[in-house]
Amino acid sequence: MKRTMSFALILMLTLTLVSGAFAQELRPFIYVLPRTVEALEDSPFHVAQVMGFLAEEGLTMELVEAFGTTDMKMVATGQAQFCAPGPMYTLSGIAEGLGVKAVMAYDAINIWGMAVLTDSPVQTFEDMQNAQEKYGRKLTVALGDASWEMLVTPTLIAGGVDVKEDLEFVVAGENRYVQVAEGKLDMLFTWPGECWQLIGQNYDFKYIDGNDVLKTNSNSIITSQRMIDEEPEVVQGFVRALCKALYFIHYNPEAAAAIMADEYPNIDVTWKAAQFIQDGRLYQMFGAPGSDEEAKILDNIGFSWEDKWMLNVQVALDSGTIDVELTPEDIFTNQFIDNSWDRKAIEAIADSVDIEAVKVRYQAE
């Protein structure tokens, strides 16, 4: 009860900062995901909604799952307002003339990597090279969907891996990590948010970090050109609210874990795993803790960097994902990035979350 009252009080205090907030009708919009909505790593969207950051902007969000089409095409056709596809998907969509543009860096580093068992002979990208000579066969990579091969291939190439000669991609479905854990497949294509969760659930995995070999960005928030032209205040409000949420999580990831545990109480994880998930999300948004990269991103939350995007363009051209050279102006805009909000106020809100009231409901492991 104490936690519920705390969230309600925070939301009330936030809303009162906006003149006439209680009387105004919040403008609804849709954020579309390419997978199930119930995922603990999607904390920024829930923090923005639950903690009142969206309401401050006069907005309210509905999270939906894409059915029968892609998240990007739903945004391009006005069925949704925002999503965050991988960079290769974004570039291919722009090259095809879908009329979308990135308006905020979300996963600001290259998040695509591999998970292997800690006792696997493969511990680095170098260990994947010349696999048939080293191991007498190709190494198997577990994918959830065949299209994921496009996401990870640029990173593997940057790591010196001959994708055709060294690897065999296997579509292994939602429980693909089990097959890697049981030794049936060699490597799991994954990302920090997922891998950290699996480690938190006591899977004996090591993460081979793609950001070490290819310094690009990954999923960015995109919207349609129509939204940019006709409803810029909605884009501005969503981006500002989400930037606040990213900072909230960086400042107090345990508070984010508590919010997500409260949002999805039926997801069976230990408190350790709930925290690990937020550590993974944090890594994706800001890079390695204590690194120069983290400091740069933290000073410029949501900012899209030209060098990272143009490296993605070159990778997409080299791999044949696109056949037209895109310019920065084609791909992204930073016009909606506004980090003038008060970070101390966000910290105070994060400190007000009653973590213990949620934590006691979970196993301590």
Foldseek 3Di string as FASTA:
>chain_A
DLQVVLLVVQQVVLQVVAVPLVPAQAAEFEEEDQDDPQDLLVLLLLCLASRNLLSNLSHHYDYYYDDPDGRLLCQLVVVGFKYWAWLLVLVLCLLVPSQKAFAFFQLFWLFKWKKAFPPACDDELVSLAPQCVVPVDAAEEEDQDPVCCVSCVLLSVLSVHPPVGRYDYDNDHDVSVVCRLVVVGGIYTDGLLVVLLVVLVVRRIDIHGSRVRATAATIGMMHGVCCVVPPVSSVLSVLVSSLLSLLLCVLPVLLSLLSSCVVCVPPDGFSSSSSSSSVRSNCSQQNDPPDPSNVVCNVQHGDHDQVRSQSVQVSCCVVVSHVDRDHNVSHHDNPSGDPPDDSVVSSVSSVSRPSVVRNVVGHND
